[in-house]
């Protein structure tokens, strides 16, 4: 199951690799785009359900329905109340089979602060609030993003460990390339240097000092049977 999968990037890639996928998203237009893209990619028979729904209520699905569950791209960030985030985690775990893997990524609180320095210095007066509380409310704490809650790594692991998920790995998704998009893309022109950099990214992305500093980080976990 691909929860909060939007226009289907992950669902389509998984379908190409032979998996059967159910895609759930809150926005009907995203589901329409995902269906169109899945058809264009020739995998519509494998992305076999496009479900409109919320991450906090997966009651349309029975317990232990899925062999693996993904919640990528920061869907959890858009739940502003702690009880909503815990309920979402509980629902994700509930529909996952025992001993099955789970993959959850969120926007990093520390990564956000670094991004403010680079892209939003005019909103620096809100930086202390973002660090201490982690919540962002447009109009009250700036105007650059939709309402969101920014995560610390330990906050995400605790959220799922409370629901019986064992953390297998944490990774900073952009790794050492976080906040250096132009420089990273420029390096791609030199294939040998690019190869070396990718190796370094993969070797360092799970280091604790890198995880929290990345713009997004990923939890890989396994539900206890």
C-alpha atoms as a PDB file:
ATOM      1  CA  UNK A   1       0.000   0.000   0.000  1.00  0.00           C
ATOM      2  CA  UNK A   2       1.228   3.460  -0.969  1.00  0.00           C
ATOM      3  CA  UNK A   3      -0.382   5.876   1.508  1.00  0.00           C
ATOM      4  CA  UNK A   4      -0.389   9.545   0.532  1.00  0.00           C
ATOM      5  CA  UNK A   5       1.114   8.528  -2.797  1.00  0.00           C
ATOM      6  CA  UNK A   6      -0.125  11.571  -4.711  1.00  0.00           C
ATOM      7  CA  UNK A   7       0.428  11.274  -8.473  1.00  0.00           C
ATOM      8  CA  UNK A   8       1.762   7.734  -8.148  1.00  0.00           C
ATOM      9  CA  UNK A   9       5.544   8.015  -8.510  1.00  0.00           C
ATOM     10  CA  UNK A  10       6.281   5.189  -6.062  1.00  0.00           C
ATOM     11  CA  UNK A  11       3.242   3.094  -6.958  1.00  0.00           C
ATOM     12  CA  UNK A  12       4.145   3.086 -10.638  1.00  0.00           C
ATOM     13  CA  UNK A  13       7.785   2.216  -9.986  1.00  0.00           C
ATOM     14  CA  UNK A  14       6.774  -0.660  -7.716  1.00  0.00           C
ATOM     15  CA  UNK A  15       4.253  -1.876 -10.287  1.00  0.00           C
ATOM     16  CA  UNK A  16       7.000  -1.885 -12.937  1.00  0.00           C
ATOM     17  CA  UNK A  17       8.969  -4.172 -10.628  1.00  0.00           C
ATOM     18  CA  UNK A  18       6.087  -6.635 -10.416  1.00  0.00           C
ATOM     19  CA  UNK A  19       4.301  -5.596  -7.209  1.00  0.00           C
ATOM     20  CA  UNK A  20       0.554  -5.159  -6.886  1.00  0.00           C
ATOM     21  CA  UNK A  21      -0.152  -1.766  -5.320  1.00  0.00           C
ATOM     22  CA  UNK A  22      -3.065   0.068  -3.712  1.00  0.00           C
ATOM     23  CA  UNK A  23      -2.619   3.833  -3.826  1.00  0.00           C
ATOM     24  CA  UNK A  24      -4.411   6.050  -1.304  1.00  0.00           C
ATOM     25  CA  UNK A  25      -4.480   9.839  -1.345  1.00  0.00           C
ATOM     26  CA  UNK A  26      -6.635  12.596   0.095  1.00  0.00           C
ATOM     27  CA  UNK A  27      -6.864  14.615  -3.137  1.00  0.00           C
ATOM     28  CA  UNK A  28      -9.058  13.316  -6.011  1.00  0.00           C
ATOM     29  CA  UNK A  29      -7.041  15.222  -8.614  1.00  0.00           C
ATOM     30  CA  UNK A  30      -3.874  13.436  -7.513  1.00  0.00           C
ATOM     31  CA  UNK A  31      -5.605  10.086  -7.959  1.00  0.00           C
ATOM     32  CA  UNK A  32      -6.771  11.090 -11.419  1.00  0.00           C
ATOM     33  CA  UNK A  33      -3.219  11.983 -12.412  1.00  0.00           C
ATOM     34  CA  UNK A  34      -1.890   8.756 -10.885  1.00  0.00           C
ATOM     35  CA  UNK A  35      -4.377   6.631 -12.834  1.00  0.00           C
ATOM     36  CA  UNK A  36      -3.468   8.413 -16.065  1.00  0.00           C
ATOM     37  CA  UNK A  37       0.272   7.966 -15.456  1.00  0.00           C
ATOM     38  CA  UNK A  38      -0.172   4.302 -14.512  1.00  0.00           C
ATOM     39  CA  UNK A  39      -2.066   3.711 -17.744  1.00  0.00           C
ATOM     40  CA  UNK A  40       0.633   5.473 -19.762  1.00  0.00           C
ATOM     41  CA  UNK A  41       3.269   3.322 -18.057  1.00  0.00           C
ATOM     42  CA  UNK A  42       1.323   0.153 -18.868  1.00  0.00           C
ATOM     43  CA  UNK A  43       0.952  -0.908 -15.228  1.00  0.00           C
ATOM     44  CA  UNK A  44      -2.701  -0.131 -14.567  1.00  0.00           C
ATOM     45  CA  UNK A  45      -3.479  -3.776 -13.871  1.00  0.00           C
ATOM     46  CA  UNK A  46      -0.928  -3.790 -11.043  1.00  0.00           C
ATOM     47  CA  UNK A  47      -1.816  -0.439  -9.512  1.00  0.00           C
ATOM     48  CA  UNK A  48      -5.217  -1.975  -9.013  1.00  0.00           C
ATOM     49  CA  UNK A  49      -6.886   0.441  -6.590  1.00  0.00           C
ATOM     50  CA  UNK A  50      -6.934   4.240  -6.399  1.00  0.00           C
ATOM     51  CA  UNK A  51      -8.577   5.105  -3.098  1.00  0.00           C
ATOM     52  CA  UNK A  52      -9.588   8.550  -1.889  1.00  0.00           C
ATOM     53  CA  UNK A  53      -9.022   8.669   1.852  1.00  0.00           C
ATOM     54  CA  UNK A  54      -7.155  10.012   4.842  1.00  0.00           C
ATOM     55  CA  UNK A  55      -4.074   8.591   6.505  1.00  0.00           C
ATOM     56  CA  UNK A  56      -5.813   8.833   9.887  1.00  0.00           C
ATOM     57  CA  UNK A  57      -8.669   6.546   8.804  1.00  0.00           C
ATOM     58  CA  UNK A  58      -7.861   3.393   6.859  1.00  0.00           C
ATOM     59  CA  UNK A  59     -11.017   1.628   8.003  1.00  0.00           C
ATOM     60  CA  UNK A  60     -11.786   0.661   4.393  1.00  0.00           C
ATOM     61  CA  UNK A  61      -9.057  -1.974   4.802  1.00  0.00           C
ATOM     62  CA  UNK A  62      -8.975  -4.949   7.181  1.00  0.00           C
ATOM     63  CA  UNK A  63      -6.263  -5.676   9.719  1.00  0.00           C
ATOM     64  CA  UNK A  64      -2.983  -7.022   8.280  1.00  0.00           C
ATOM     65  CA  UNK A  65      -4.070  -6.518   4.693  1.00  0.00           C
ATOM     66  CA  UNK A  66      -0.732  -5.555   3.112  1.00  0.00           C
ATOM     67  CA  UNK A  67       2.657  -7.227   2.662  1.00  0.00           C
ATOM     68  CA  UNK A  68       4.353  -3.807   2.913  1.00  0.00           C
ATOM     69  CA  UNK A  69       3.246  -0.230   3.560  1.00  0.00           C
ATOM     70  CA  UNK A  70       4.789   2.998   2.295  1.00  0.00           C
ATOM     71  CA  UNK A  71       4.066   6.498   3.545  1.00  0.00           C
ATOM     72  CA  UNK A  72       6.585   8.659   1.722  1.00  0.00           C
ATOM     73  CA  UNK A  73       7.003  12.314   0.885  1.00  0.00           C
ATOM     74  CA  UNK A  74       5.896  13.716   4.232  1.00  0.00           C
ATOM     75  CA  UNK A  75       2.179  12.917   4.501  1.00  0.00           C
ATOM     76  CA  UNK A  76       2.583  12.684   8.281  1.00  0.00           C
ATOM     77  CA  UNK A  77       3.932  16.243   8.340  1.00  0.00           C
ATOM     78  CA  UNK A  78       0.498  17.606   7.515  1.00  0.00           C
ATOM     79  CA  UNK A  79      -1.103  16.304  10.698  1.00  0.00           C
ATOM     80  CA  UNK A  80      -0.755  19.164  13.173  1.00  0.00           C
ATOM     81  CA  UNK A  81      -2.020  17.433  16.310  1.00  0.00           C
ATOM     82  CA  UNK A  82       0.071  14.822  18.105  1.00  0.00           C
ATOM     83  CA  UNK A  83      -2.963  12.568  18.562  1.00  0.00           C
ATOM     84  CA  UNK A  84      -3.606  12.665  14.803  1.00  0.00           C
ATOM     85  CA  UNK A  85      -0.055  11.605  14.067  1.00  0.00           C
ATOM     86  CA  UNK A  86      -0.285   8.752  16.567  1.00  0.00           C
ATOM     87  CA  UNK A  87      -3.606   7.630  15.131  1.00  0.00           C
ATOM     88  CA  UNK A  88      -2.130   7.666  11.621  1.00  0.00           C
ATOM     89  CA  UNK A  89       0.812   5.568  12.780  1.00  0.00           C
ATOM     90  CA  UNK A  90      -1.594   3.149  14.455  1.00  0.00           C
ATOM     91  CA  UNK A  91      -3.624   2.810  11.255  1.00  0.00           C
ATOM     92  CA  UNK A  92      -0.551   2.253   9.104  1.00  0.00           C
ATOM     93  CA  UNK A  93       0.627  -0.479  11.455  1.00  0.00           C
ATOM     94  CA  UNK A  94      -2.824  -2.047  11.700  1.00  0.00           C
ATOM     95  CA  UNK A  95      -3.125  -2.683   7.951  1.00  0.00           C
ATOM     96  CA  UNK A  96       0.425  -4.084   7.736  1.00  0.00           C
ATOM     97  CA  UNK A  97       0.921  -7.843   8.056  1.00  0.00           C
ATOM     98  CA  UNK A  98       2.952  -9.191  10.940  1.00  0.00           C
ATOM     99  CA  UNK A  99       6.718  -9.101  10.293  1.00  0.00           C
ATOM    100  CA  UNK A 100       6.115  -6.990   7.159  1.00  0.00           C
ATOM    101  CA  UNK A 101       8.271  -3.955   6.322  1.00  0.00           C
ATOM    102  CA  UNK A 102       7.188  -0.328   6.604  1.00  0.00           C
ATOM    103  CA  UNK A 103       8.761   2.718   4.960  1.00  0.00           C
ATOM    104  CA  UNK A 104       7.935   6.206   6.243  1.00  0.00           C
ATOM    105  CA  UNK A 105       9.592   9.496   5.295  1.00  0.00           C
ATOM    106  CA  UNK A 106       9.053  12.986   6.696  1.00  0.00           C
ATOM    107  CA  UNK A 107      10.417  16.525   6.437  1.00  0.00           C
ATOM    108  CA  UNK A 108      13.180  17.151   8.955  1.00  0.00           C
ATOM    109  CA  UNK A 109      12.945  19.885  11.588  1.00  0.00           C
ATOM    110  CA  UNK A 110      16.702  20.480  11.589  1.00  0.00           C
ATOM    111  CA  UNK A 111      16.785  20.313   7.811  1.00  0.00           C
ATOM    112  CA  UNK A 112      14.060  22.949   7.711  1.00  0.00           C
ATOM    113  CA  UNK A 113      16.143  25.332   9.825  1.00  0.00           C
ATOM    114  CA  UNK A 114      19.067  24.963   7.440  1.00  0.00           C
ATOM    115  CA  UNK A 115      16.690  25.592   4.547  1.00  0.00           C
ATOM    116  CA  UNK A 116      15.438  28.777   6.207  1.00  0.00           C
ATOM    117  CA  UNK A 117      18.979  30.124   6.248  1.00  0.00           C
ATOM    118  CA  UNK A 118      19.376  29.431   2.533  1.00  0.00           C
ATOM    119  CA  UNK A 119      15.925  30.168   1.099  1.00  0.00           C
ATOM    120  CA  UNK A 120      13.767  31.932   3.702  1.00  0.00           C
ATOM    121  CA  UNK A 121      16.014  34.248   5.759  1.00  0.00           C
ATOM    122  CA  UNK A 122      13.170  36.799   5.770  1.00  0.00           C
ATOM    123  CA  UNK A 123      11.262  34.400   8.072  1.00  0.00           C
ATOM    124  CA  UNK A 124      14.136  33.894  10.501  1.00  0.00           C
ATOM    125  CA  UNK A 125      12.075  35.412  13.312  1.00  0.00           C
ATOM    126  CA  UNK A 126      10.090  32.162  13.350  1.00  0.00           C
ATOM    127  CA  UNK A 127      13.121  29.871  13.524  1.00  0.00           C
ATOM    128  CA  UNK A 128      13.087  29.493  17.308  1.00  0.00           C
ATOM    129  CA  UNK A 129       9.415  28.487  17.242  1.00  0.00           C
ATOM    130  CA  UNK A 130      10.081  25.931  14.491  1.00  0.00           C
ATOM    131  CA  UNK A 131      12.902  24.427  16.515  1.00  0.00           C
ATOM    132  CA  UNK A 132      11.127  24.299  19.879  1.00  0.00           C
ATOM    133  CA  UNK A 133       7.585  23.435  18.742  1.00  0.00           C
ATOM    134  CA  UNK A 134       7.981  22.088  15.229  1.00  0.00           C
ATOM    135  CA  UNK A 135       4.712  23.458  13.881  1.00  0.00           C
ATOM    136  CA  UNK A 136       4.245  25.798  10.936  1.00  0.00           C
ATOM    137  CA  UNK A 137       1.026  27.753  10.415  1.00  0.00           C
ATOM    138  CA  UNK A 138       0.816  29.940   7.288  1.00  0.00           C
ATOM    139  CA  UNK A 139       0.142  33.570   8.071  1.00  0.00           C
ATOM    140  CA  UNK A 140       1.152  33.107  11.690  1.00  0.00           C
ATOM    141  CA  UNK A 141       4.618  31.621  11.163  1.00  0.00           C
ATOM    142  CA  UNK A 142       5.322  32.791   7.625  1.00  0.00           C
ATOM    143  CA  UNK A 143       3.862  32.266   4.153  1.00  0.00           C
ATOM    144  CA  UNK A 144       6.204  29.876   2.385  1.00  0.00           C
ATOM    145  CA  UNK A 145       4.520  26.498   2.905  1.00  0.00           C
ATOM    146  CA  UNK A 146       1.292  24.758   3.829  1.00  0.00           C
ATOM    147  CA  UNK A 147       0.500  23.960   7.488  1.00  0.00           C
ATOM    148  CA  UNK A 148       2.890  21.316   8.735  1.00  0.00           C
ATOM    149  CA  UNK A 149       4.684  19.702  11.656  1.00  0.00           C
ATOM    150  CA  UNK A 150       8.434  19.173  11.313  1.00  0.00           C
ATOM    151  CA  UNK A 151       9.943  15.970  12.734  1.00  0.00           C
ATOM    152  CA  UNK A 152      13.029  15.088  14.713  1.00  0.00           C
ATOM    153  CA  UNK A 153      14.404  11.573  14.014  1.00  0.00           C
ATOM    154  CA  UNK A 154      13.712  10.339  17.534  1.00  0.00           C
ATOM    155  CA  UNK A 155      10.159  11.664  17.295  1.00  0.00           C
ATOM    156  CA  UNK A 156       9.428   9.528  14.245  1.00  0.00           C
ATOM    157  CA  UNK A 157      10.943   6.359  15.674  1.00  0.00           C
ATOM    158  CA  UNK A 158       9.043   6.791  18.943  1.00  0.00           C
ATOM    159  CA  UNK A 159       5.783   7.322  17.043  1.00  0.00           C
ATOM    160  CA  UNK A 160       6.018   3.894  15.422  1.00  0.00           C
ATOM    161  CA  UNK A 161       7.755   2.007  18.189  1.00  0.00           C
ATOM    162  CA  UNK A 162       4.729   2.817  20.375  1.00  0.00           C
ATOM    163  CA  UNK A 163       2.674   0.845  17.848  1.00  0.00           C
ATOM    164  CA  UNK A 164       4.956  -2.184  17.833  1.00  0.00           C
ATOM    165  CA  UNK A 165       7.312  -1.379  14.979  1.00  0.00           C
ATOM    166  CA  UNK A 166      10.999  -2.218  15.262  1.00  0.00           C
ATOM    167  CA  UNK A 167      13.235   0.388  13.620  1.00  0.00           C
ATOM    168  CA  UNK A 168      15.621  -1.343  11.221  1.00  0.00           C
ATOM    169  CA  UNK A 169      17.244   1.738   9.732  1.00  0.00           C
ATOM    170  CA  UNK A 170      17.059   5.531   9.537  1.00  0.00           C
ATOM    171  CA  UNK A 171      18.441   7.355   6.515  1.00  0.00           C
ATOM    172  CA  UNK A 172      18.830  10.952   5.410  1.00  0.00           C
ATOM    173  CA  UNK A 173      17.293  10.906   1.943  1.00  0.00           C
ATOM    174  CA  UNK A 174      19.287  13.725   0.372  1.00  0.00           C
ATOM    175  CA  UNK A 175      22.214  12.903   2.635  1.00  0.00           C
ATOM    176  CA  UNK A 176      25.246  15.154   2.302  1.00  0.00           C
ATOM    177  CA  UNK A 177      23.688  16.697  -0.802  1.00  0.00           C
ATOM    178  CA  UNK A 178      20.948  18.349   1.269  1.00  0.00           C
ATOM    179  CA  UNK A 179      20.646  22.047   0.409  1.00  0.00           C
ATOM    180  CA  UNK A 180      23.217  21.618  -2.381  1.00  0.00           C
ATOM    181  CA  UNK A 181      20.989  20.761  -5.329  1.00  0.00           C
ATOM    182  CA  UNK A 182      22.815  22.886  -7.904  1.00  0.00           C
ATOM    183  CA  UNK A 183      26.224  21.643  -6.845  1.00  0.00           C
ATOM    184  CA  UNK A 184      25.049  18.031  -6.894  1.00  0.00           C
ATOM    185  CA  UNK A 185      23.508  18.358 -10.354  1.00  0.00           C
ATOM    186  CA  UNK A 186      26.647  20.059 -11.638  1.00  0.00           C
ATOM    187  CA  UNK A 187      28.757  17.124 -10.447  1.00  0.00           C
ATOM    188  CA  UNK A 188      26.684  14.754 -12.602  1.00  0.00           C
ATOM    189  CA  UNK A 189      28.479  16.054 -15.695  1.00  0.00           C
ATOM    190  CA  UNK A 190      31.676  14.345 -14.533  1.00  0.00           C
ATOM    191  CA  UNK A 191      30.700  10.664 -14.437  1.00  0.00           C
ATOM    192  CA  UNK A 192      33.676   9.513 -12.362  1.00  0.00           C
ATOM    193  CA  UNK A 193      33.219  12.203  -9.724  1.00  0.00           C
ATOM    194  CA  UNK A 194      29.478  11.497  -9.741  1.00  0.00           C
ATOM    195  CA  UNK A 195      30.062   7.804  -9.129  1.00  0.00           C
ATOM    196  CA  UNK A 196      32.345   8.568  -6.218  1.00  0.00           C
ATOM    197  CA  UNK A 197      29.882  11.033  -4.704  1.00  0.00           C
ATOM    198  CA  UNK A 198      26.980   8.602  -4.945  1.00  0.00           C
ATOM    199  CA  UNK A 199      29.070   5.984  -3.150  1.00  0.00           C
ATOM    200  CA  UNK A 200      29.800   8.469  -0.377  1.00  0.00           C
ATOM    201  CA  UNK A 201      26.115   9.426  -0.138  1.00  0.00           C
ATOM    202  CA  UNK A 202      25.093   5.785   0.263  1.00  0.00           C
ATOM    203  CA  UNK A 203      27.817   5.048   2.800  1.00  0.00           C
ATOM    204  CA  UNK A 204      27.017   8.073   4.985  1.00  0.00           C
ATOM    205  CA  UNK A 205      23.234   8.503   4.695  1.00  0.00           C
ATOM    206  CA  UNK A 206      22.496   6.323   7.726  1.00  0.00           C
ATOM    207  CA  UNK A 207      24.962   8.064  10.015  1.00  0.00           C
ATOM    208  CA  UNK A 208      23.022   9.787  12.847  1.00  0.00           C
ATOM    209  CA  UNK A 209      24.693  13.131  12.142  1.00  0.00           C
ATOM    210  CA  UNK A 210      23.447  12.997   8.547  1.00  0.00           C
ATOM    211  CA  UNK A 211      19.917  11.709   9.188  1.00  0.00           C
ATOM    212  CA  UNK A 212      18.656  14.703  11.153  1.00  0.00           C
ATOM    213  CA  UNK A 213      20.388  17.247   8.920  1.00  0.00           C
ATOM    214  CA  UNK A 214      18.846  15.985   5.690  1.00  0.00           C
ATOM    215  CA  UNK A 215      15.812  17.744   4.259  1.00  0.00           C
ATOM    216  CA  UNK A 216      13.849  14.482   4.512  1.00  0.00           C
ATOM    217  CA  UNK A 217      14.637  11.313   6.417  1.00  0.00           C
ATOM    218  CA  UNK A 218      13.319   7.783   6.120  1.00  0.00           C
ATOM    219  CA  UNK A 219      12.362   5.206   8.708  1.00  0.00           C
ATOM    220  CA  UNK A 220      12.590   1.581   7.641  1.00  0.00           C
ATOM    221  CA  UNK A 221      10.816  -0.619  10.151  1.00  0.00           C
ATOM    222  CA  UNK A 222       9.270  -4.009  10.645  1.00  0.00           C
ATOM    223  CA  UNK A 223       6.003  -4.744  12.374  1.00  0.00           C
ATOM    224  CA  UNK A 224       6.263  -7.295  15.148  1.00  0.00           C
ATOM    225  CA  UNK A 225       4.293 -10.429  14.405  1.00  0.00           C
END
